[in-house]
């Protein structure tokens, strides 16, 4: 079990999270069900915030990366923990503002922000927008001219650091759709372009090298490259960045192939990055920039589990055994997308030894609708409660109503108390926006 979450097996042999029995949660709230551990979320926010305070004199900010999991309750927690957030769409921005999150602490990312999203951000007085194209700089400057305002912006740059992670989540390679390459001069050119815009106020740079990274050196190299770039721009364009956003991407535990990191390990990741920033600042005769980090997945992923009820069981002797659940790729898409590995267990029989390897199949009309493959379990029976661990990030965010299935409800647990943070869907929700043209009613 993860030492930082409040997962344990109780005296009944049931899995427990946040002081709540998972079998009782499944019975009370029904399955499939997303369950989030509030204490874990707060602990992770605090470890990053405290590291900046202790190692960098508080001259920085932790930003919760909304794309990992966006809902009003998470923004309420972030607000109470006094950290910032980043958003990548009008929907995430709307949710944050509706939750009462202060607009000045919001950073708006995205490689192709829509004009209506930029207008919404400006009218909502979002603190900083990260520019990722010449077109965006043009549109944003014109909108600001019309409104008679100046908007703080960062430029997303690509330092060319290739982290050891899945190709789909590497974002700082030269051929990435994100950012402007430092190596070929594109980053310098766009900075010069933005500096010439009358209603854009360039504050600095943003980079993000990828996700699910466990080795520190990639983060250190990226920090060094960004600070070297900042020095170059100061010398050649006379502009010194006051803000550096080094993104995130710290890895989390999904299965036994992954390291089980403790709070101190994440502290060490950030300490190494801060040390590199301080070293490069001195080396390049720069002022210490305001430092931003975006540890989205590592804040929320291990805080979440998903509960299911076991249905049909299909054994193909000598080939494979399928254990089917009442969910599927519609609320847990990462295996279908990335062949991601997970740890699963029977929440109602959590102490029992594993006796076989099975594949967890979803209920969608797709052969590829699998949640996990060749995972060890006790012999499962229909009606068992299955728990999939580390589903807090990129599950609800990527969920859909495929096959017109419901996106599950989500609850937040803390000291045994459980509350909805996302209500259950109904059939009426599925057809709410359907229309039948009049010609089809005749």
Protein backbone atom coordinates (compact mmCIF):
# COMPACT_ATOMS: atom_id res chain seq x y z
CA UNK A 1 0.00 0.00 0.00
CA UNK A 2 1.05 3.58 -0.56
CA UNK A 3 2.50 5.01 2.66
CA UNK A 4 1.32 8.52 1.81
CA UNK A 5 -2.33 7.67 1.23
CA UNK A 6 -4.61 6.45 3.99
CA UNK A 7 -5.13 3.05 2.35
CA UNK A 8 -5.16 0.10 4.72
CA UNK A 9 -6.86 -3.24 5.27
CA UNK A 10 -9.20 -3.07 8.26
CA UNK A 11 -10.19 -5.72 10.80
CA UNK A 12 -12.93 -7.02 8.46
CA UNK A 13 -10.36 -7.70 5.76
CA UNK A 14 -11.79 -4.84 3.70
CA UNK A 15 -9.83 -2.14 1.93
CA UNK A 16 -10.18 1.21 3.66
CA UNK A 17 -9.37 4.70 2.39
CA UNK A 18 -9.50 7.92 4.40
CA UNK A 19 -11.02 6.02 7.32
CA UNK A 20 -13.91 4.74 5.16
CA UNK A 21 -14.59 1.07 4.39
CA UNK A 22 -14.57 0.61 0.60
CA UNK A 23 -17.23 -2.10 0.70
CA UNK A 24 -19.54 0.24 2.60
CA UNK A 25 -18.74 3.03 0.13
CA UNK A 26 -19.62 0.76 -2.78
CA UNK A 27 -22.92 -0.22 -1.13
CA UNK A 28 -23.81 3.37 -0.23
CA UNK A 29 -22.79 5.18 -3.42
CA UNK A 30 -22.98 2.32 -5.97
CA UNK A 31 -20.28 1.41 -8.49
CA UNK A 32 -18.36 2.30 -10.57
CA UNK A 33 -17.20 4.98 -8.16
CA UNK A 34 -14.25 7.34 -8.07
CA UNK A 35 -12.96 7.79 -4.51
CA UNK A 36 -10.52 10.55 -3.49
CA UNK A 37 -8.50 10.79 -0.29
CA UNK A 38 -8.54 14.42 0.88
CA UNK A 39 -5.67 14.02 3.35
CA UNK A 40 -3.40 12.68 0.61
CA UNK A 41 -4.21 15.60 -1.71
CA UNK A 42 -3.45 18.15 0.99
CA UNK A 43 -0.24 16.39 2.04
CA UNK A 44 1.08 16.44 -1.50
CA UNK A 45 0.22 20.10 -2.03
CA UNK A 46 2.01 20.94 1.21
CA UNK A 47 5.21 19.04 0.51
CA UNK A 48 5.81 21.02 -2.69
CA UNK A 49 4.72 24.31 -1.13
CA UNK A 50 6.94 23.80 1.92
CA UNK A 51 9.95 22.86 -0.19
CA UNK A 52 9.71 26.14 -2.09
CA UNK A 53 9.35 27.97 1.22
CA UNK A 54 12.34 26.27 2.81
CA UNK A 55 14.70 25.94 -0.15
CA UNK A 56 13.85 29.08 -2.17
CA UNK A 57 12.73 31.55 0.49
CA UNK A 58 9.14 31.19 -0.62
CA UNK A 59 9.93 32.95 -3.91
CA UNK A 60 7.64 30.75 -5.96
CA UNK A 61 4.35 28.97 -6.21
CA UNK A 62 2.96 25.48 -6.64
CA UNK A 63 0.35 25.25 -9.41
CA UNK A 64 -2.11 22.38 -9.43
CA UNK A 65 -2.33 21.10 -13.02
CA UNK A 66 -6.06 20.96 -13.69
CA UNK A 67 -5.91 18.48 -16.56
CA UNK A 68 -5.14 15.70 -14.05
CA UNK A 69 -8.56 16.13 -12.40
CA UNK A 70 -10.76 19.19 -12.57
CA UNK A 71 -13.79 19.78 -10.38
CA UNK A 72 -14.92 22.52 -8.02
CA UNK A 73 -13.95 20.62 -4.87
CA UNK A 74 -10.32 20.23 -5.97
CA UNK A 75 -10.09 23.97 -6.63
CA UNK A 76 -11.60 24.60 -3.20
CA UNK A 77 -8.86 22.46 -1.64
CA UNK A 78 -6.17 24.24 -3.68
CA UNK A 79 -7.56 27.61 -2.60
CA UNK A 80 -7.54 26.62 1.07
CA UNK A 81 -3.95 25.33 0.73
CA UNK A 82 -2.97 28.66 -0.87
CA UNK A 83 -1.51 27.26 -4.07
CA UNK A 84 -2.18 28.34 -7.65
CA UNK A 85 -3.64 26.37 -10.55
CA UNK A 86 -3.05 26.04 -14.25
CA UNK A 87 -5.84 25.44 -16.74
CA UNK A 88 -5.80 24.36 -20.38
CA UNK A 89 -9.35 25.07 -21.54
CA UNK A 90 -12.28 27.38 -21.09
CA UNK A 91 -14.06 24.59 -19.23
CA UNK A 92 -11.31 24.17 -16.66
CA UNK A 93 -11.11 27.94 -16.28
CA UNK A 94 -14.87 28.24 -15.82
CA UNK A 95 -14.83 25.50 -13.17
CA UNK A 96 -12.00 27.15 -11.24
CA UNK A 97 -13.69 30.56 -11.29
CA UNK A 98 -17.06 29.08 -10.34
CA UNK A 99 -15.38 27.45 -7.35
CA UNK A 100 -14.23 30.90 -6.25
CA UNK A 101 -10.59 30.40 -7.12
CA UNK A 102 -8.76 33.76 -7.38
CA UNK A 103 -8.26 34.61 -11.06
CA UNK A 104 -4.88 36.24 -10.46
CA UNK A 105 -3.50 32.86 -9.31
CA UNK A 106 -4.58 31.08 -12.52
CA UNK A 107 -2.17 30.32 -15.39
CA UNK A 108 -3.76 29.51 -18.76
CA UNK A 109 -1.89 27.04 -21.00
CA UNK A 110 -2.65 25.43 -24.37
CA UNK A 111 -1.14 25.16 -27.85
CA UNK A 112 -4.32 26.27 -29.65
CA UNK A 113 -6.49 28.32 -27.31
CA UNK A 114 -9.74 29.32 -28.94
CA UNK A 115 -10.58 33.00 -29.35
CA UNK A 116 -13.62 32.62 -27.11
CA UNK A 117 -11.38 31.04 -24.45
CA UNK A 118 -8.92 33.92 -24.62
CA UNK A 119 -11.77 36.42 -24.36
CA UNK A 120 -13.14 34.55 -21.35
CA UNK A 121 -9.69 34.58 -19.73
CA UNK A 122 -9.24 38.32 -20.27
CA UNK A 123 -12.73 39.18 -19.09
CA UNK A 124 -12.21 36.94 -16.05
CA UNK A 125 -8.92 38.76 -15.30
CA UNK A 126 -6.78 35.62 -15.40
CA UNK A 127 -3.34 36.38 -14.00
CA UNK A 128 -1.05 34.92 -16.67
CA UNK A 129 -1.50 33.41 -20.13
CA UNK A 130 1.16 31.13 -21.63
CA UNK A 131 1.67 32.02 -25.29
CA UNK A 132 2.30 29.03 -27.56
CA UNK A 133 2.02 30.48 -31.10
CA UNK A 134 2.52 33.68 -33.10
CA UNK A 135 -1.17 33.65 -33.95
CA UNK A 136 -2.07 33.59 -30.27
CA UNK A 137 0.23 36.54 -29.58
CA UNK A 138 -1.46 38.52 -32.36
CA UNK A 139 -5.01 37.69 -31.27
CA UNK A 140 -4.29 38.28 -27.60
CA UNK A 141 -2.62 41.62 -28.21
CA UNK A 142 -5.56 42.81 -30.34
CA UNK A 143 -8.05 41.75 -27.67
CA UNK A 144 -6.06 43.60 -25.04
CA UNK A 145 -5.91 46.73 -27.21
CA UNK A 146 -9.69 46.63 -27.54
CA UNK A 147 -10.08 46.32 -23.77
CA UNK A 148 -7.39 48.87 -22.93
CA UNK A 149 -5.41 46.43 -20.78
CA UNK A 150 -1.98 44.82 -20.67
CA UNK A 151 -1.83 41.07 -20.11
CA UNK A 152 0.97 39.23 -18.34
CA UNK A 153 2.25 36.36 -20.46
CA UNK A 154 4.88 33.64 -20.47
CA UNK A 155 6.29 32.07 -23.64
CA UNK A 156 6.36 28.30 -23.78
CA UNK A 157 9.81 27.16 -24.80
CA UNK A 158 11.16 23.74 -25.65
CA UNK A 159 14.57 23.07 -24.06
CA UNK A 160 15.02 19.81 -25.98
CA UNK A 161 15.20 17.50 -22.98
CA UNK A 162 13.91 14.03 -23.78
CA UNK A 163 12.69 12.45 -20.58
CA UNK A 164 12.43 8.70 -20.12
CA UNK A 165 8.69 8.32 -20.39
CA UNK A 166 5.97 7.23 -22.82
CA UNK A 167 6.27 8.91 -26.23
CA UNK A 168 2.73 10.29 -25.99
CA UNK A 169 3.53 12.21 -22.82
CA UNK A 170 6.91 13.61 -23.83
CA UNK A 171 6.41 17.30 -24.48
CA UNK A 172 9.87 18.83 -24.84
CA UNK A 173 11.33 17.05 -27.85
CA UNK A 174 12.23 19.16 -30.88
CA UNK A 175 9.24 17.78 -32.83
CA UNK A 176 6.71 18.39 -30.03
CA UNK A 177 3.49 20.25 -30.78
CA UNK A 178 4.20 22.30 -27.64
CA UNK A 179 6.48 25.30 -27.35
CA UNK A 180 9.25 26.93 -29.35
CA UNK A 181 12.61 25.21 -29.70
CA UNK A 182 15.61 26.81 -28.03
CA UNK A 183 18.07 24.90 -30.23
CA UNK A 184 16.93 26.29 -33.60
CA UNK A 185 16.38 29.89 -32.47
CA UNK A 186 12.58 29.73 -32.60
CA UNK A 187 12.25 30.51 -28.89
CA UNK A 188 14.39 33.62 -29.17
CA UNK A 189 12.46 34.81 -32.22
CA UNK A 190 9.05 34.49 -30.57
CA UNK A 191 10.29 36.29 -27.45
CA UNK A 192 11.40 39.21 -29.61
CA UNK A 193 8.01 39.14 -31.31
CA UNK A 194 6.07 39.18 -28.02
CA UNK A 195 8.27 41.91 -26.54
CA UNK A 196 7.25 44.13 -29.45
CA UNK A 197 3.54 43.75 -28.65
CA UNK A 198 2.23 46.90 -27.00
CA UNK A 199 -0.36 45.21 -24.80
CA UNK A 200 1.46 42.04 -23.82
CA UNK A 201 3.81 42.07 -20.85
CA UNK A 202 6.31 39.24 -21.14
CA UNK A 203 7.24 37.95 -17.69
CA UNK A 204 9.27 34.87 -18.54
CA UNK A 205 9.19 31.30 -19.78
CA UNK A 206 7.36 28.05 -19.34
CA UNK A 207 8.55 24.56 -20.15
CA UNK A 208 7.32 21.06 -19.42
CA UNK A 209 9.38 18.03 -20.40
CA UNK A 210 6.79 15.30 -19.97
CA UNK A 211 4.99 13.14 -17.44
CA UNK A 212 5.58 10.09 -15.25
CA UNK A 213 9.32 10.79 -14.89
CA UNK A 214 11.23 9.20 -12.01
CA UNK A 215 14.83 10.24 -12.62
CA UNK A 216 15.82 13.69 -11.35
CA UNK A 217 18.43 14.51 -13.95
CA UNK A 218 15.94 15.35 -16.71
CA UNK A 219 14.38 18.04 -14.50
CA UNK A 220 17.80 19.39 -13.53
CA UNK A 221 18.98 19.58 -17.16
CA UNK A 222 15.74 21.29 -18.20
CA UNK A 223 16.16 23.89 -15.44
CA UNK A 224 19.75 24.54 -16.52
CA UNK A 225 18.78 24.95 -20.16
CA UNK A 226 15.92 27.35 -19.35
CA UNK A 227 18.20 29.52 -17.19
CA UNK A 228 20.90 29.51 -19.88
CA UNK A 229 18.24 30.59 -22.37
CA UNK A 230 17.14 33.35 -20.00
CA UNK A 231 20.75 34.56 -19.85
CA UNK A 232 21.03 34.55 -23.64
CA UNK A 233 17.83 36.58 -24.05
CA UNK A 234 19.04 39.08 -21.45
CA UNK A 235 22.30 39.57 -23.36
CA UNK A 236 20.80 39.66 -26.85
CA UNK A 237 17.40 41.31 -26.32
CA UNK A 238 17.88 43.14 -23.03
CA UNK A 239 15.01 41.29 -21.35
CA UNK A 240 15.45 39.37 -18.09
CA UNK A 241 12.75 36.92 -17.07
CA UNK A 242 11.18 37.51 -13.67
CA UNK A 243 9.15 34.25 -13.78
CA UNK A 244 10.30 30.74 -14.73
CA UNK A 245 7.76 27.92 -14.87
CA UNK A 246 9.50 24.54 -14.98
CA UNK A 247 6.36 22.44 -15.28
CA UNK A 248 6.08 19.11 -13.51
CA UNK A 249 5.89 15.48 -14.51
CA UNK A 250 7.10 13.81 -11.31
CA UNK A 251 6.28 10.09 -11.44
CA UNK A 252 3.77 8.19 -9.33
CA UNK A 253 3.33 4.54 -8.35
CA UNK A 254 0.88 2.49 -10.42
CA UNK A 255 2.27 -1.05 -10.11
CA UNK A 256 5.26 -2.96 -8.85
CA UNK A 257 7.38 -1.81 -11.81
CA UNK A 258 7.25 1.73 -10.41
CA UNK A 259 9.17 3.08 -7.40
CA UNK A 260 7.07 3.77 -4.31
CA UNK A 261 8.04 7.35 -3.57
CA UNK A 262 7.69 8.92 -0.16
CA UNK A 263 7.07 12.57 0.68
CA UNK A 264 10.81 13.12 1.11
CA UNK A 265 11.45 11.79 -2.39
CA UNK A 266 9.28 14.50 -3.92
CA UNK A 267 10.99 17.00 -1.67
CA UNK A 268 14.30 15.81 -3.11
CA UNK A 269 13.08 16.17 -6.70
CA UNK A 270 12.22 19.79 -6.14
CA UNK A 271 15.34 20.51 -4.08
CA UNK A 272 17.46 19.29 -6.99
CA UNK A 273 15.62 21.60 -9.40
CA UNK A 274 15.90 24.58 -7.05
CA UNK A 275 19.61 23.90 -6.56
CA UNK A 276 20.11 23.93 -10.33
CA UNK A 277 18.19 27.21 -10.62
CA UNK A 278 20.29 28.86 -7.89
CA UNK A 279 23.52 27.63 -9.45
CA UNK A 280 22.62 28.89 -12.91
CA UNK A 281 21.41 32.24 -11.57
CA UNK A 282 24.84 32.86 -10.03
CA UNK A 283 26.70 31.51 -13.04
CA UNK A 284 24.79 33.78 -15.44
CA UNK A 285 24.58 36.82 -13.16
CA UNK A 286 20.78 36.79 -13.12
CA UNK A 287 18.24 37.75 -10.49
CA UNK A 288 16.50 34.81 -8.86
CA UNK A 289 13.23 34.39 -10.80
CA UNK A 290 9.86 33.63 -9.25
CA UNK A 291 9.72 29.86 -9.63
CA UNK A 292 6.59 27.96 -10.63
CA UNK A 293 6.08 24.19 -10.69
CA UNK A 294 3.07 22.14 -11.83
CA UNK A 295 3.00 18.77 -10.02
CA UNK A 296 -0.51 17.82 -11.11
CA UNK A 297 -0.46 14.04 -11.40
CA UNK A 298 1.79 13.60 -8.38
CA UNK A 299 -0.66 15.57 -6.23
CA UNK A 300 -3.81 13.69 -7.21
CA UNK A 301 -3.06 10.32 -8.87
CA UNK A 302 -2.39 8.16 -5.82
CA UNK A 303 -5.12 9.97 -3.89
CA UNK A 304 -7.72 8.28 -6.09
CA UNK A 305 -9.03 4.74 -6.43
CA UNK A 306 -11.92 3.37 -8.46
CA UNK A 307 -14.36 0.80 -7.10
CA UNK A 308 -16.24 -1.69 -9.29
CA UNK A 309 -18.56 -4.65 -8.85
CA UNK A 310 -17.48 -7.92 -10.46
CA UNK A 311 -20.01 -9.35 -12.92
CA UNK A 312 -19.42 -12.10 -15.47
CA UNK A 313 -16.34 -14.31 -15.26
CA UNK A 314 -15.11 -16.03 -18.41
CA UNK A 315 -12.38 -18.65 -18.24
CA UNK A 316 -10.71 -19.83 -21.45
CA UNK A 317 -8.69 -22.80 -20.18
CA UNK A 318 -4.98 -22.56 -20.89
CA UNK A 319 -5.38 -19.14 -22.53
CA UNK A 320 -6.95 -16.40 -20.42
CA UNK A 321 -9.42 -15.65 -17.68
CA UNK A 322 -11.56 -12.53 -17.86
CA UNK A 323 -13.09 -10.88 -14.81
CA UNK A 324 -15.71 -8.41 -16.05
CA UNK A 325 -16.67 -5.28 -14.13
CA UNK A 326 -19.48 -2.74 -14.30
CA UNK A 327 -17.16 -0.06 -15.71
CA UNK A 328 -14.73 0.03 -18.57
CA UNK A 329 -12.74 2.19 -20.95
CA UNK A 330 -15.41 4.90 -20.73
CA UNK A 331 -14.27 5.88 -17.23
CA UNK A 332 -10.80 4.29 -17.19
CA UNK A 333 -9.23 4.81 -20.64
CA UNK A 334 -5.52 4.73 -19.87
CA UNK A 335 -4.94 1.03 -20.57
CA UNK A 336 -6.60 1.37 -23.98
CA UNK A 337 -4.53 4.49 -24.72
CA UNK A 338 -1.13 3.68 -23.23
CA UNK A 339 -1.31 0.05 -22.02
CA UNK A 340 -0.85 1.54 -18.56
CA UNK A 341 -0.29 -0.89 -15.70
CA UNK A 342 -2.35 -0.88 -12.52
CA UNK A 343 -2.57 -2.59 -9.17
CA UNK A 344 -5.94 -4.19 -8.50
CA UNK A 345 -7.36 -6.04 -5.51
CA UNK A 346 -10.63 -7.30 -4.14
CA UNK A 347 -11.74 -4.67 -1.66
CA UNK A 348 -14.01 -7.08 0.21
CA UNK A 349 -11.31 -9.80 0.43
CA UNK A 350 -8.19 -7.67 0.63
CA UNK A 351 -6.27 -10.03 2.95
CA UNK A 352 -6.68 -13.11 0.80
CA UNK A 353 -3.65 -14.39 -1.13
CA UNK A 354 -3.57 -14.06 -4.91
CA UNK A 355 -3.97 -17.44 -6.60
CA UNK A 356 -4.27 -16.58 -10.30
CA UNK A 357 -3.63 -13.97 -12.96
CA UNK A 358 -6.60 -12.48 -14.76
CA UNK A 359 -7.53 -9.73 -17.18
CA UNK A 360 -10.04 -7.13 -16.03
CA UNK A 361 -12.58 -6.54 -18.79
CA UNK A 362 -15.00 -3.67 -19.14
CA UNK A 363 -18.61 -3.72 -20.32
CA UNK A 364 -18.14 -1.73 -23.53
CA UNK A 365 -18.76 -3.26 -26.95
CA UNK A 366 -15.04 -3.24 -27.75
CA UNK A 367 -12.55 -6.12 -27.71
CA UNK A 368 -9.95 -3.68 -26.43
CA UNK A 369 -12.07 -2.61 -23.46
CA UNK A 370 -9.66 -3.77 -20.78
CA UNK A 371 -8.64 -2.12 -17.51
CA UNK A 372 -5.69 -4.34 -16.60
CA UNK A 373 -4.08 -7.46 -18.05
CA UNK A 374 -2.45 -10.41 -16.26
CA UNK A 375 -2.91 -9.00 -12.77
CA UNK A 376 -2.79 -11.23 -9.67
CA UNK A 377 -6.02 -11.71 -7.70
CA UNK A 378 -7.67 -14.21 -5.40
CA UNK A 379 -10.26 -16.24 -7.30
CA UNK A 380 -12.87 -13.57 -8.01
CA UNK A 381 -16.62 -14.16 -7.70
CA UNK A 382 -19.55 -12.25 -9.10
CA UNK A 383 -20.51 -9.55 -6.62
CA UNK A 384 -16.99 -8.97 -5.32
CA UNK A 385 -15.88 -5.33 -5.03
CA UNK A 386 -12.81 -4.70 -7.17
CA UNK A 387 -10.53 -1.74 -6.41
CA UNK A 388 -8.13 -0.26 -8.96
CA UNK A 389 -5.48 1.88 -7.29
CA UNK A 390 -3.87 5.15 -8.43
CA UNK A 391 -6.75 6.32 -10.62
CA UNK A 392 -6.92 9.89 -9.35
CA UNK A 393 -5.37 11.44 -12.46
CA UNK A 394 -6.54 11.25 -16.08
CA UNK A 395 -9.51 9.01 -15.40
CA UNK A 396 -12.43 11.34 -14.78
CA UNK A 397 -10.60 13.89 -16.96
CA UNK A 398 -10.67 11.50 -19.92
CA UNK A 399 -13.99 9.82 -19.16
CA UNK A 400 -16.75 9.72 -21.75
CA UNK A 401 -20.29 8.45 -22.20
CA UNK A 402 -19.17 5.88 -24.76
CA UNK A 403 -21.94 3.36 -25.42
CA UNK A 404 -24.05 5.85 -23.47
CA UNK A 405 -22.68 4.59 -20.20
CA UNK A 406 -22.67 6.87 -17.17
CA UNK A 407 -19.51 8.71 -16.14
CA UNK A 408 -19.22 7.58 -12.51
CA UNK A 409 -19.82 9.77 -9.51
CA UNK A 410 -16.86 10.89 -7.41
CA UNK A 411 -16.65 11.17 -3.65
CA UNK A 412 -14.14 12.78 -1.29
CA UNK A 413 -13.27 10.93 1.91
CA UNK A 414 -11.60 12.28 5.03
CA UNK A 415 -11.51 10.77 8.52
CA UNK A 416 -14.30 8.37 7.63
CA UNK A 417 -16.63 11.02 6.20
CA UNK A 418 -17.61 10.70 2.53
CA UNK A 419 -19.26 13.35 0.36
CA UNK A 420 -20.15 13.63 -3.31
CA UNK A 421 -17.93 15.95 -5.31
CA UNK A 422 -19.39 14.81 -8.63
CA UNK A 423 -23.00 13.69 -8.64
CA UNK A 424 -24.13 10.45 -10.33
CA UNK A 425 -25.37 10.81 -13.87
CA UNK A 426 -28.87 9.77 -14.93
CA UNK A 427 -30.38 8.64 -18.22
CA UNK A 428 -31.86 12.10 -18.51
CA UNK A 429 -28.31 13.54 -18.38
CA UNK A 430 -27.41 11.38 -21.39
CA UNK A 431 -30.21 12.78 -23.57
CA UNK A 432 -30.32 16.30 -22.14
CA UNK A 433 -28.82 17.89 -25.26
CA UNK A 434 -30.43 15.59 -27.84
CA UNK A 435 -32.72 17.18 -30.43
CA UNK A 436 -34.94 15.61 -33.07
CA UNK A 437 -35.37 17.82 -36.16
CA UNK A 438 -39.01 18.48 -36.93
CA UNK A 439 -38.77 16.68 -40.28
CA UNK A 440 -38.00 13.44 -38.43
CA UNK A 441 -41.17 13.66 -36.36
CA UNK A 442 -43.53 13.37 -39.33
